Protein backbone atom coordinates (compact mmCIF):
# COMPACT_ATOMS: atom_id res chain seq x y z
CA SER A 1 -11.11 66.41 3.71
CA SER A 2 -14.71 65.25 3.96
CA TYR A 3 -15.24 65.89 0.24
CA ASP A 4 -12.25 63.73 -0.69
CA LYS A 5 -13.47 60.89 1.53
CA GLN A 6 -16.96 61.08 -0.01
CA LYS A 7 -15.48 61.17 -3.51
CA SER A 8 -13.25 58.20 -2.79
CA GLN A 9 -16.21 56.22 -1.41
CA LEU A 10 -18.31 57.14 -4.45
CA GLU A 11 -15.50 56.05 -6.78
CA LYS A 12 -15.33 52.67 -5.01
CA GLU A 13 -19.11 52.29 -5.32
CA LEU A 14 -18.98 53.21 -9.01
CA CYS A 15 -16.15 50.74 -9.70
CA ASN A 16 -18.02 47.96 -7.86
CA PHE A 17 -21.22 48.77 -9.74
CA LEU A 18 -19.47 48.82 -13.12
CA SER A 19 -17.66 45.55 -12.43
CA SER A 20 -21.01 43.91 -11.60
CA LEU A 21 -22.42 44.70 -15.05
CA ASP A 22 -22.61 42.08 -17.78
CA PRO A 23 -20.12 42.43 -19.37
CA PRO A 24 -18.07 44.05 -16.57
CA LYS A 25 -16.87 47.59 -17.21
CA SER A 26 -14.40 50.03 -15.72
CA ILE A 27 -14.32 53.79 -15.42
CA LEU A 28 -12.35 53.87 -18.67
CA SER A 29 -14.75 51.60 -20.58
CA CYS A 30 -18.12 52.76 -19.25
CA ILE A 31 -20.56 54.69 -21.41
CA PRO A 32 -22.94 57.49 -20.36
CA GLN A 33 -25.82 55.01 -20.05
CA ASP A 34 -23.80 53.08 -17.45
CA ILE A 35 -23.46 56.26 -15.38
CA VAL A 36 -27.23 56.81 -15.66
CA ARG A 37 -27.82 53.23 -14.48
CA PHE A 38 -25.48 53.90 -11.53
CA LEU A 39 -27.44 57.04 -10.60
CA VAL A 40 -30.74 55.15 -10.77
CA TRP A 41 -29.23 52.42 -8.59
CA LYS A 42 -28.01 55.03 -6.07
CA ASP A 43 -31.40 56.75 -6.12
CA ARG A 44 -33.09 53.59 -4.85
CA LYS A 45 -31.01 53.87 -1.66
CA GLY A 46 -32.21 57.40 -0.87
CA LYS A 47 -33.78 58.48 2.40
CA THR A 48 -36.22 61.12 1.14
CA LYS A 49 -39.80 59.85 1.08
CA VAL A 50 -41.56 60.67 -2.20
CA HIS A 51 -45.29 60.38 -1.61
CA ARG A 52 -47.51 59.21 -4.44
CA ASP A 53 -50.72 60.99 -5.38
CA GLY A 54 -53.43 59.98 -2.97
CA CYS A 55 -51.05 59.22 -0.10
CA SER A 56 -51.75 61.11 3.10
CA PRO A 57 -48.53 60.90 5.09
CA SER A 58 -48.92 60.86 8.82
CA THR A 59 -47.94 64.07 10.57
CA SER A 60 -46.85 62.25 13.71
CA ARG A 61 -43.19 61.99 14.68
CA THR A 62 -43.22 58.22 14.24
CA LYS A 63 -41.86 56.55 11.12
CA ASN A 64 -44.17 56.84 8.15
CA THR A 65 -45.68 53.48 7.40
CA CYS A 66 -46.83 54.27 3.88
CA SER A 67 -45.36 52.28 1.01
CA CYS A 68 -44.24 55.33 -0.98
CA PRO A 69 -40.67 55.06 -2.29
CA THR A 70 -37.62 56.74 -0.84
CA ARG A 71 -35.26 58.53 -3.20
CA LEU A 72 -32.18 60.72 -3.07
CA ALA A 73 -32.80 64.39 -2.36
CA SER A 74 -32.14 66.71 -5.31
CA GLY A 75 -29.16 68.34 -3.58
CA THR A 76 -27.65 64.91 -3.00
CA VAL A 77 -28.06 64.02 -6.68
CA ASP A 78 -26.40 67.31 -7.65
CA SER A 79 -23.49 66.59 -5.31
CA ILE A 80 -23.07 63.04 -6.65
CA ILE A 81 -23.04 64.31 -10.24
CA GLY A 82 -20.34 66.85 -9.37
CA LYS A 83 -18.21 64.16 -7.75
CA LEU A 84 -18.75 61.82 -10.71
CA ARG A 85 -17.53 64.56 -13.07
CA THR A 86 -14.38 64.94 -10.98
CA ILE A 87 -13.83 61.16 -10.83
CA LEU A 88 -14.25 60.76 -14.59
CA LYS A 89 -12.06 63.78 -15.35
CA SER A 90 -9.25 62.50 -13.11
CA ALA A 91 -9.47 59.16 -14.94
CA GLY A 92 -8.87 60.98 -18.22
CA ARG A 93 -12.45 60.86 -19.43
CA THR A 94 -13.72 63.84 -21.36
CA ARG A 95 -17.25 65.18 -21.20
CA GLU A 96 -19.67 62.92 -23.00
């Protein structure tokens, strides 16, 4: 299913992220702060433009040229958190 593919891809991303930490970690050795760091890292790859105070985004159909950051949409974050819970639970991790 689509959900399973997304979950599998997220698990690969999480494992790669954790192994890049110093010292490297795994799903079994990570701590809650590592998961938070992963979410922050994922958030930086979002596609939703978050305009800063004072920014007047263009209403044209062309790409916005402002320098405001892009972040993950709240529904996307919620979905990622749900998948992370499933990934951690299937790895034998309890709620922390």
